[in-house]
Amino acid sequence: MVSKSKLLEINNLGKSFGGNWAIKGVDITVRKGELLGIIGPNGAGKTTLFNMVTGFLKPTEGIIRFKDKDIANLKPHNICNIGIARTFQIVKPFGNLSVLENVTIGVLRYERDVNKAKEIAREKVKLVGLEKYMDTTASSLPLGHRKRLEMARALATDPEVIMLDEVMGGLNDDETAEMMNLVKTLHNKGLTILLIEHNMHALMSLSERVVVLCYGKKLADGTTDEISSNQEVIEAYLGSDDDAEN
């Protein structure tokens, strides 16, 4: 098997808030086309990690490189422009705009012709299974559909890497299965995916590799089988019924 090239490199990453370290000394390498799961108890630093990679927080220390370029001090729109997109746990679409209009805004990042941008946006909306809701106002969508819209908005920017922050949170079993299929489809298309998810069955089923964070530090990094059998991980996270349900 040909080794995949390094796409995103995180070295000694740390973020301190008022002297308290939310993340400290984290190293992660993500290879092109990989689907990497990130797990850990609440407060482990998972979303803080995403916020630093996507420019919403500036690291206190450490290096973040994308295709060998240091991106740690770039603004969110600059990071989006170089090919990294994300979703948010709490989805906040432009509520008074339609599904199509919400997605078109993302396409306009690189396509200035509005008609062409709308055509590309329609394809993204179809990809996430919302074609019946093109003209529906975003605020009127149920949660499951708003999660799909969040995905479409991120995909509209034409990313090389997409960072998914609990896209299955709050979904019922059927909606979760549909979202899992969508993530699989995107991965099969060659997209590099980082996935934070509390649904352990979904994350373990989808991920090629898993990183475990605990109290802001990297506890483990390995295949799903390696993580599932790691005693430290079991004690810190997987072995807790409470954590598995949260």
C-alpha atoms as a PDB file:
ATOM      1  CA  MET A   1       0.000   0.000   0.000  1.00  0.00           C
ATOM      2  CA  VAL A   2       1.314   3.460  -0.938  1.00  0.00           C
ATOM      3  CA  SER A   3       1.734   5.704   2.086  1.00  0.00           C
ATOM      4  CA  LYS A   4      -0.489   8.763   2.055  1.00  0.00           C
ATOM      5  CA  SER A   5       1.251  12.126   2.160  1.00  0.00           C
ATOM      6  CA  LYS A   6       1.111  14.338   5.241  1.00  0.00           C
ATOM      7  CA  LEU A   7      -1.520  17.052   4.903  1.00  0.00           C
ATOM      8  CA  LEU A   8      -2.007  18.535   8.374  1.00  0.00           C
ATOM      9  CA  GLU A   9       0.663  18.506  11.090  1.00  0.00           C
ATOM     10  CA  ILE A  10       0.094  19.620  14.683  1.00  0.00           C
ATOM     11  CA  ASN A  11       3.173  19.821  16.897  1.00  0.00           C
ATOM     12  CA  ASN A  12       3.353  20.559  20.637  1.00  0.00           C
ATOM     13  CA  LEU A  13       0.057  22.431  20.438  1.00  0.00           C
ATOM     14  CA  GLY A  14      -1.130  24.189  23.575  1.00  0.00           C
ATOM     15  CA  LYS A  15      -3.821  26.663  24.591  1.00  0.00           C
ATOM     16  CA  SER A  16      -3.949  28.366  27.972  1.00  0.00           C
ATOM     17  CA  PHE A  17      -6.897  30.295  29.358  1.00  0.00           C
ATOM     18  CA  GLY A  18      -5.919  32.395  32.361  1.00  0.00           C
ATOM     19  CA  GLY A  19      -3.110  30.025  33.260  1.00  0.00           C
ATOM     20  CA  ASN A  20      -5.213  26.879  32.842  1.00  0.00           C
ATOM     21  CA  TRP A  21      -4.203  24.665  29.944  1.00  0.00           C
ATOM     22  CA  ALA A  22      -7.155  23.440  27.867  1.00  0.00           C
ATOM     23  CA  ILE A  23      -4.683  21.648  25.585  1.00  0.00           C
ATOM     24  CA  LYS A  24      -1.015  20.988  26.239  1.00  0.00           C
ATOM     25  CA  GLY A  25       1.713  19.319  24.156  1.00  0.00           C
ATOM     26  CA  VAL A  26      -0.566  17.715  21.537  1.00  0.00           C
ATOM     27  CA  ASP A  27       0.995  16.161  18.416  1.00  0.00           C
ATOM     28  CA  ILE A  28      -1.209  14.900  15.577  1.00  0.00           C
ATOM     29  CA  THR A  29      -0.418  14.134  11.935  1.00  0.00           C
ATOM     30  CA  VAL A  30      -3.267  13.795   9.441  1.00  0.00           C
ATOM     31  CA  ARG A  31      -2.581  12.232   6.061  1.00  0.00           C
ATOM     32  CA  LYS A  32      -4.308  13.081   2.807  1.00  0.00           C
ATOM     33  CA  GLY A  33      -7.561  11.170   2.391  1.00  0.00           C
ATOM     34  CA  GLU A  34      -7.600   9.940   5.988  1.00  0.00           C
ATOM     35  CA  LEU A  35     -10.668   9.761   8.225  1.00  0.00           C
ATOM     36  CA  LEU A  36      -9.427  10.536  11.732  1.00  0.00           C
ATOM     37  CA  GLY A  37     -11.709  10.244  14.750  1.00  0.00           C
ATOM     38  CA  ILE A  38     -11.064  12.329  17.858  1.00  0.00           C
ATOM     39  CA  ILE A  39     -12.591  11.230  21.149  1.00  0.00           C
ATOM     40  CA  GLY A  40     -12.375  12.168  24.786  1.00  0.00           C
ATOM     41  CA  PRO A  41     -14.561  13.059  27.759  1.00  0.00           C
ATOM     42  CA  ASN A  42     -16.294  16.429  27.940  1.00  0.00           C
ATOM     43  CA  GLY A  43     -13.661  19.095  28.570  1.00  0.00           C
ATOM     44  CA  ALA A  44     -10.874  17.037  26.984  1.00  0.00           C
ATOM     45  CA  GLY A  45     -10.027  19.855  24.549  1.00  0.00           C
ATOM     46  CA  LYS A  46     -11.507  18.466  21.337  1.00  0.00           C
ATOM     47  CA  THR A  47     -13.376  21.573  20.191  1.00  0.00           C
ATOM     48  CA  THR A  48     -10.532  23.798  21.401  1.00  0.00           C
ATOM     49  CA  LEU A  49      -8.281  21.820  19.065  1.00  0.00           C
ATOM     50  CA  PHE A  50     -10.683  22.398  16.156  1.00  0.00           C
ATOM     51  CA  ASN A  51     -10.916  26.100  17.018  1.00  0.00           C
ATOM     52  CA  MET A  52      -7.139  26.482  16.842  1.00  0.00           C
ATOM     53  CA  VAL A  53      -6.758  24.612  13.570  1.00  0.00           C
ATOM     54  CA  THR A  54      -9.498  26.718  11.962  1.00  0.00           C
ATOM     55  CA  GLY A  55      -8.271  30.061  13.289  1.00  0.00           C
ATOM     56  CA  PHE A  56     -10.987  30.839  15.842  1.00  0.00           C
ATOM     57  CA  LEU A  57      -8.438  30.582  18.641  1.00  0.00           C
ATOM     58  CA  LYS A  58      -4.745  31.471  18.521  1.00  0.00           C
ATOM     59  CA  PRO A  59      -2.491  28.802  20.052  1.00  0.00           C
ATOM     60  CA  THR A  60      -0.535  29.744  23.164  1.00  0.00           C
ATOM     61  CA  GLU A  61       2.252  27.504  21.902  1.00  0.00           C
ATOM     62  CA  GLY A  62       2.985  24.999  19.181  1.00  0.00           C
ATOM     63  CA  ILE A  63       2.838  24.739  15.411  1.00  0.00           C
ATOM     64  CA  ILE A  64       0.025  23.966  12.967  1.00  0.00           C
ATOM     65  CA  ARG A  65       1.082  23.240   9.394  1.00  0.00           C
ATOM     66  CA  PHE A  66      -1.152  22.604   6.392  1.00  0.00           C
ATOM     67  CA  LYS A  67       0.724  21.303   3.352  1.00  0.00           C
ATOM     68  CA  ASP A  68       3.978  22.422   5.034  1.00  0.00           C
ATOM     69  CA  LYS A  69       2.715  25.988   5.561  1.00  0.00           C
ATOM     70  CA  ASP A  70       2.423  27.442   9.071  1.00  0.00           C
ATOM     71  CA  ILE A  71      -1.221  28.441   9.537  1.00  0.00           C
ATOM     72  CA  ALA A  72      -1.315  29.009  13.308  1.00  0.00           C
ATOM     73  CA  ASN A  73      -1.721  32.783  12.990  1.00  0.00           C
ATOM     74  CA  LEU A  74      -4.128  32.906  10.060  1.00  0.00           C
ATOM     75  CA  LYS A  75      -7.688  34.210  10.374  1.00  0.00           C
ATOM     76  CA  PRO A  76     -10.626  31.818   9.883  1.00  0.00           C
ATOM     77  CA  HIS A  77     -11.462  33.142   6.400  1.00  0.00           C
ATOM     78  CA  ASN A  78      -7.835  32.699   5.302  1.00  0.00           C
ATOM     79  CA  ILE A  79      -7.814  29.111   6.564  1.00  0.00           C
ATOM     80  CA  CYS A  80     -11.066  28.473   4.720  1.00  0.00           C
ATOM     81  CA  ASN A  81      -9.495  29.911   1.570  1.00  0.00           C
ATOM     82  CA  ILE A  82      -6.582  27.448   1.682  1.00  0.00           C
ATOM     83  CA  GLY A  83      -8.871  24.434   1.939  1.00  0.00           C
ATOM     84  CA  ILE A  84      -9.929  23.706   5.530  1.00  0.00           C
ATOM     85  CA  ALA A  85     -13.637  23.840   6.403  1.00  0.00           C
ATOM     86  CA  ARG A  86     -15.543  22.913   9.542  1.00  0.00           C
ATOM     87  CA  THR A  87     -18.967  22.421  11.058  1.00  0.00           C
ATOM     88  CA  PHE A  88     -20.040  23.613  14.494  1.00  0.00           C
ATOM     89  CA  GLN A  89     -21.773  21.751  17.324  1.00  0.00           C
ATOM     90  CA  ILE A  90     -24.453  24.442  17.479  1.00  0.00           C
ATOM     91  CA  VAL A  91     -25.601  25.063  13.928  1.00  0.00           C
ATOM     92  CA  LYS A  92     -26.333  28.681  13.062  1.00  0.00           C
ATOM     93  CA  PRO A  93     -27.374  29.053   9.438  1.00  0.00           C
ATOM     94  CA  PHE A  94     -28.667  32.334   8.059  1.00  0.00           C
ATOM     95  CA  GLY A  95     -32.182  31.633   9.299  1.00  0.00           C
ATOM     96  CA  ASN A  96     -34.033  34.015   7.016  1.00  0.00           C
ATOM     97  CA  LEU A  97     -32.330  32.679   3.876  1.00  0.00           C
ATOM     98  CA  SER A  98     -33.232  29.542   1.956  1.00  0.00           C
ATOM     99  CA  VAL A  99     -31.182  26.360   2.007  1.00  0.00           C
ATOM    100  CA  LEU A 100     -29.861  27.157  -1.476  1.00  0.00           C
ATOM    101  CA  GLU A 101     -28.975  30.726  -0.549  1.00  0.00           C
ATOM    102  CA  ASN A 102     -27.099  29.580   2.566  1.00  0.00           C
ATOM    103  CA  VAL A 103     -24.965  27.189   0.513  1.00  0.00           C
ATOM    104  CA  THR A 104     -24.470  29.645  -2.362  1.00  0.00           C
ATOM    105  CA  ILE A 105     -22.771  32.053   0.034  1.00  0.00           C
ATOM    106  CA  GLY A 106     -20.051  29.462   0.617  1.00  0.00           C
ATOM    107  CA  VAL A 107     -19.539  28.875  -3.091  1.00  0.00           C
ATOM    108  CA  LEU A 108     -19.078  32.611  -3.679  1.00  0.00           C
ATOM    109  CA  ARG A 109     -15.751  32.259  -1.875  1.00  0.00           C
ATOM    110  CA  TYR A 110     -14.225  31.193  -5.184  1.00  0.00           C
ATOM    111  CA  GLU A 111     -16.957  31.531  -7.846  1.00  0.00           C
ATOM    112  CA  ARG A 112     -17.967  35.129  -8.478  1.00  0.00           C
ATOM    113  CA  ASP A 113     -20.590  34.378 -11.122  1.00  0.00           C
ATOM    114  CA  VAL A 114     -23.789  34.109  -9.063  1.00  0.00           C
ATOM    115  CA  ASN A 115     -25.566  31.813 -11.518  1.00  0.00           C
ATOM    116  CA  LYS A 116     -22.628  29.422 -11.619  1.00  0.00           C
ATOM    117  CA  ALA A 117     -22.363  29.604  -7.836  1.00  0.00           C
ATOM    118  CA  LYS A 118     -26.029  28.614  -7.514  1.00  0.00           C
ATOM    119  CA  GLU A 119     -25.491  25.613  -9.784  1.00  0.00           C
ATOM    120  CA  ILE A 120     -22.567  24.406  -7.676  1.00  0.00           C
ATOM    121  CA  ALA A 121     -24.608  25.035  -4.524  1.00  0.00           C
ATOM    122  CA  ARG A 122     -27.459  22.915  -5.886  1.00  0.00           C
ATOM    123  CA  GLU A 123     -25.062  19.998  -6.296  1.00  0.00           C
ATOM    124  CA  LYS A 124     -23.881  20.356  -2.690  1.00  0.00           C
ATOM    125  CA  VAL A 125     -27.472  20.497  -1.448  1.00  0.00           C
ATOM    126  CA  LYS A 126     -28.283  17.339  -3.418  1.00  0.00           C
ATOM    127  CA  LEU A 127     -25.160  15.638  -2.058  1.00  0.00           C
ATOM    128  CA  VAL A 128     -26.365  16.046   1.529  1.00  0.00           C
ATOM    129  CA  GLY A 129     -29.891  14.923   0.653  1.00  0.00           C
ATOM    130  CA  LEU A 130     -31.716  18.235   0.947  1.00  0.00           C
ATOM    131  CA  GLU A 131     -32.780  18.658  -2.685  1.00  0.00           C
ATOM    132  CA  LYS A 132     -36.461  18.788  -1.664  1.00  0.00           C
ATOM    133  CA  TYR A 133     -35.697  21.746   0.587  1.00  0.00           C
ATOM    134  CA  MET A 134     -33.776  24.022  -1.803  1.00  0.00           C
ATOM    135  CA  ASP A 135     -36.188  26.927  -1.296  1.00  0.00           C
ATOM    136  CA  THR A 136     -37.057  26.209   2.344  1.00  0.00           C
ATOM    137  CA  THR A 137     -36.108  28.856   4.881  1.00  0.00           C
ATOM    138  CA  ALA A 138     -33.250  27.526   6.998  1.00  0.00           C
ATOM    139  CA  SER A 139     -34.902  28.487  10.293  1.00  0.00           C
ATOM    140  CA  SER A 140     -37.862  26.214   9.545  1.00  0.00           C
ATOM    141  CA  LEU A 141     -35.758  23.061   9.129  1.00  0.00           C
ATOM    142  CA  PRO A 142     -35.758  20.372  11.849  1.00  0.00           C
ATOM    143  CA  LEU A 143     -32.440  19.677  13.601  1.00  0.00           C
ATOM    144  CA  GLY A 144     -31.489  16.714  11.404  1.00  0.00           C
ATOM    145  CA  HIS A 145     -31.870  18.790   8.257  1.00  0.00           C
ATOM    146  CA  ARG A 146     -30.055  21.759   9.782  1.00  0.00           C
ATOM    147  CA  LYS A 147     -27.114  19.436  10.504  1.00  0.00           C
ATOM    148  CA  ARG A 148     -27.133  18.452   6.823  1.00  0.00           C
ATOM    149  CA  LEU A 149     -27.278  22.103   5.821  1.00  0.00           C
ATOM    150  CA  GLU A 150     -24.261  22.759   8.048  1.00  0.00           C
ATOM    151  CA  MET A 151     -22.422  20.046   6.124  1.00  0.00           C
ATOM    152  CA  ALA A 152     -23.463  21.528   2.777  1.00  0.00           C
ATOM    153  CA  ARG A 153     -22.313  24.990   3.812  1.00  0.00           C
ATOM    154  CA  ALA A 154     -18.875  23.618   4.712  1.00  0.00           C
ATOM    155  CA  LEU A 155     -18.656  21.571   1.510  1.00  0.00           C
ATOM    156  CA  ALA A 156     -19.615  24.633  -0.522  1.00  0.00           C
ATOM    157  CA  THR A 157     -16.185  26.148   0.153  1.00  0.00           C
ATOM    158  CA  ASP A 158     -14.588  23.244  -1.770  1.00  0.00           C
ATOM    159  CA  PRO A 159     -12.319  22.061   1.080  1.00  0.00           C
ATOM    160  CA  GLU A 160      -9.513  19.521   1.062  1.00  0.00           C
ATOM    161  CA  VAL A 161     -10.079  18.931   4.777  1.00  0.00           C
ATOM    162  CA  ILE A 162     -13.414  19.036   6.576  1.00  0.00           C
ATOM    163  CA  MET A 163     -13.588  19.045  10.364  1.00  0.00           C
ATOM    164  CA  LEU A 164     -16.881  17.692  11.679  1.00  0.00           C
ATOM    165  CA  ASP A 165     -17.769  18.670  15.252  1.00  0.00           C
ATOM    166  CA  GLU A 166     -20.522  16.345  16.488  1.00  0.00           C
ATOM    167  CA  VAL A 167     -22.582  16.296  13.289  1.00  0.00           C
ATOM    168  CA  MET A 168     -24.583  13.418  14.780  1.00  0.00           C
ATOM    169  CA  GLY A 169     -25.319  15.105  18.094  1.00  0.00           C
ATOM    170  CA  GLY A 170     -29.037  15.176  18.841  1.00  0.00           C
ATOM    171  CA  LEU A 171     -30.017  12.965  15.910  1.00  0.00           C
ATOM    172  CA  ASN A 172     -32.258   9.922  16.196  1.00  0.00           C
ATOM    173  CA  ASP A 173     -31.087   6.460  15.096  1.00  0.00           C
ATOM    174  CA  ASP A 174     -32.325   6.802  11.505  1.00  0.00           C
ATOM    175  CA  GLU A 175     -30.835  10.284  11.109  1.00  0.00           C
ATOM    176  CA  THR A 176     -27.551   9.067  12.597  1.00  0.00           C
ATOM    177  CA  ALA A 177     -27.390   6.172  10.114  1.00  0.00           C
ATOM    178  CA  GLU A 178     -28.046   8.607   7.240  1.00  0.00           C
ATOM    179  CA  MET A 179     -25.342  10.977   8.482  1.00  0.00           C
ATOM    180  CA  MET A 180     -22.895   8.079   8.781  1.00  0.00           C
ATOM    181  CA  ASN A 181     -23.598   7.188   5.150  1.00  0.00           C
ATOM    182  CA  LEU A 182     -23.005  10.789   4.121  1.00  0.00           C
ATOM    183  CA  VAL A 183     -19.657  10.880   5.931  1.00  0.00           C
ATOM    184  CA  LYS A 184     -18.688   7.596   4.242  1.00  0.00           C
ATOM    185  CA  THR A 185     -19.643   9.037   0.852  1.00  0.00           C
ATOM    186  CA  LEU A 186     -17.506  12.127   1.395  1.00  0.00           C
ATOM    187  CA  HIS A 187     -14.569  10.013   2.515  1.00  0.00           C
ATOM    188  CA  ASN A 188     -14.922   7.735  -0.505  1.00  0.00           C
ATOM    189  CA  LYS A 189     -14.727  10.825  -2.703  1.00  0.00           C
ATOM    190  CA  GLY A 190     -11.251  11.438  -1.286  1.00  0.00           C
ATOM    191  CA  LEU A 191     -12.020  14.135   1.260  1.00  0.00           C
ATOM    192  CA  THR A 192      -9.805  14.239   4.350  1.00  0.00           C
ATOM    193  CA  ILE A 193     -12.047  14.191   7.431  1.00  0.00           C
ATOM    194  CA  LEU A 194     -11.503  14.906  11.126  1.00  0.00           C
ATOM    195  CA  LEU A 195     -14.445  13.743  13.191  1.00  0.00           C
ATOM    196  CA  ILE A 196     -15.348  14.633  16.784  1.00  0.00           C
ATOM    197  CA  GLU A 197     -18.240  12.467  17.909  1.00  0.00           C
ATOM    198  CA  HIS A 198     -19.659  11.213  21.216  1.00  0.00           C
ATOM    199  CA  ASN A 199     -21.534   8.425  19.435  1.00  0.00           C
ATOM    200  CA  MET A 200     -18.840   5.800  19.880  1.00  0.00           C
ATOM    201  CA  HIS A 201     -20.419   3.230  17.571  1.00  0.00           C
ATOM    202  CA  ALA A 202     -20.571   5.779  14.750  1.00  0.00           C
ATOM    203  CA  LEU A 203     -17.055   7.087  15.296  1.00  0.00           C
ATOM    204  CA  MET A 204     -15.449   3.665  15.593  1.00  0.00           C
ATOM    205  CA  SER A 205     -17.338   2.419  12.528  1.00  0.00           C
ATOM    206  CA  LEU A 206     -16.230   5.352  10.384  1.00  0.00           C
ATOM    207  CA  SER A 207     -12.670   6.094  11.519  1.00  0.00           C
ATOM    208  CA  GLU A 208      -9.487   4.642  10.068  1.00  0.00           C
ATOM    209  CA  ARG A 209      -7.541   5.949  13.051  1.00  0.00           C
ATOM    210  CA  VAL A 210      -8.512   7.443  16.401  1.00  0.00           C
ATOM    211  CA  VAL A 211      -6.836  10.030  18.646  1.00  0.00           C
ATOM    212  CA  VAL A 212      -7.884  10.113  22.303  1.00  0.00           C
ATOM    213  CA  LEU A 213      -7.640  13.346  24.265  1.00  0.00           C
ATOM    214  CA  CYS A 214      -7.949  13.441  28.042  1.00  0.00           C
ATOM    215  CA  TYR A 215      -7.552  16.535  30.221  1.00  0.00           C
ATOM    216  CA  GLY A 216      -6.056  18.401  27.266  1.00  0.00           C
ATOM    217  CA  LYS A 217      -3.341  15.862  26.475  1.00  0.00           C
ATOM    218  CA  LYS A 218      -3.104  13.116  23.889  1.00  0.00           C
ATOM    219  CA  LEU A 219      -3.681   9.841  25.670  1.00  0.00           C
ATOM    220  CA  ALA A 220      -3.541   7.474  22.685  1.00  0.00           C
ATOM    221  CA  ASP A 221      -3.333   7.346  18.888  1.00  0.00           C
ATOM    222  CA  GLY A 222      -4.021   4.208  16.861  1.00  0.00           C
ATOM    223  CA  THR A 223      -6.391   2.047  14.899  1.00  0.00           C
ATOM    224  CA  THR A 224      -9.893   1.438  16.237  1.00  0.00           C
ATOM    225  CA  ASP A 225      -8.824  -2.033  17.413  1.00  0.00           C
ATOM    226  CA  GLU A 226      -5.788  -0.613  19.213  1.00  0.00           C
ATOM    227  CA  ILE A 227      -7.859   2.098  20.882  1.00  0.00           C
ATOM    228  CA  SER A 228     -10.641  -0.305  21.889  1.00  0.00           C
ATOM    229  CA  SER A 229      -8.150  -2.565  23.650  1.00  0.00           C
ATOM    230  CA  ASN A 230      -6.009   0.178  25.210  1.00  0.00           C
ATOM    231  CA  GLN A 231      -6.384  -0.133  28.995  1.00  0.00           C
ATOM    232  CA  GLU A 232      -5.640   3.548  29.628  1.00  0.00           C
ATOM    233  CA  VAL A 233      -8.358   4.552  27.185  1.00  0.00           C
ATOM    234  CA  ILE A 234     -10.826   2.093  28.690  1.00  0.00           C
ATOM    235  CA  GLU A 235     -10.203   3.485  32.156  1.00  0.00           C
ATOM    236  CA  ALA A 236     -10.315   7.123  31.035  1.00  0.00           C
ATOM    237  CA  TYR A 237     -13.197   6.999  28.610  1.00  0.00           C
ATOM    238  CA  LEU A 238     -14.450   3.901  26.846  1.00  0.00           C
ATOM    239  CA  GLY A 239     -15.053   1.941  30.022  1.00  0.00           C
ATOM    240  CA  SER A 240     -17.409   4.554  31.473  1.00  0.00           C
ATOM    241  CA  ASP A 241     -21.081   3.988  30.768  1.00  0.00           C
ATOM    242  CA  ASP A 242     -21.753   7.631  31.504  1.00  0.00           C
ATOM    243  CA  ASP A 243     -19.224   8.822  28.921  1.00  0.00           C
ATOM    244  CA  ALA A 244     -20.462   6.366  26.307  1.00  0.00           C
ATOM    245  CA  GLU A 245     -23.976   7.799  26.650  1.00  0.00           C
ATOM    246  CA  ASN A 246     -23.006  11.497  26.644  1.00  0.00           C
END
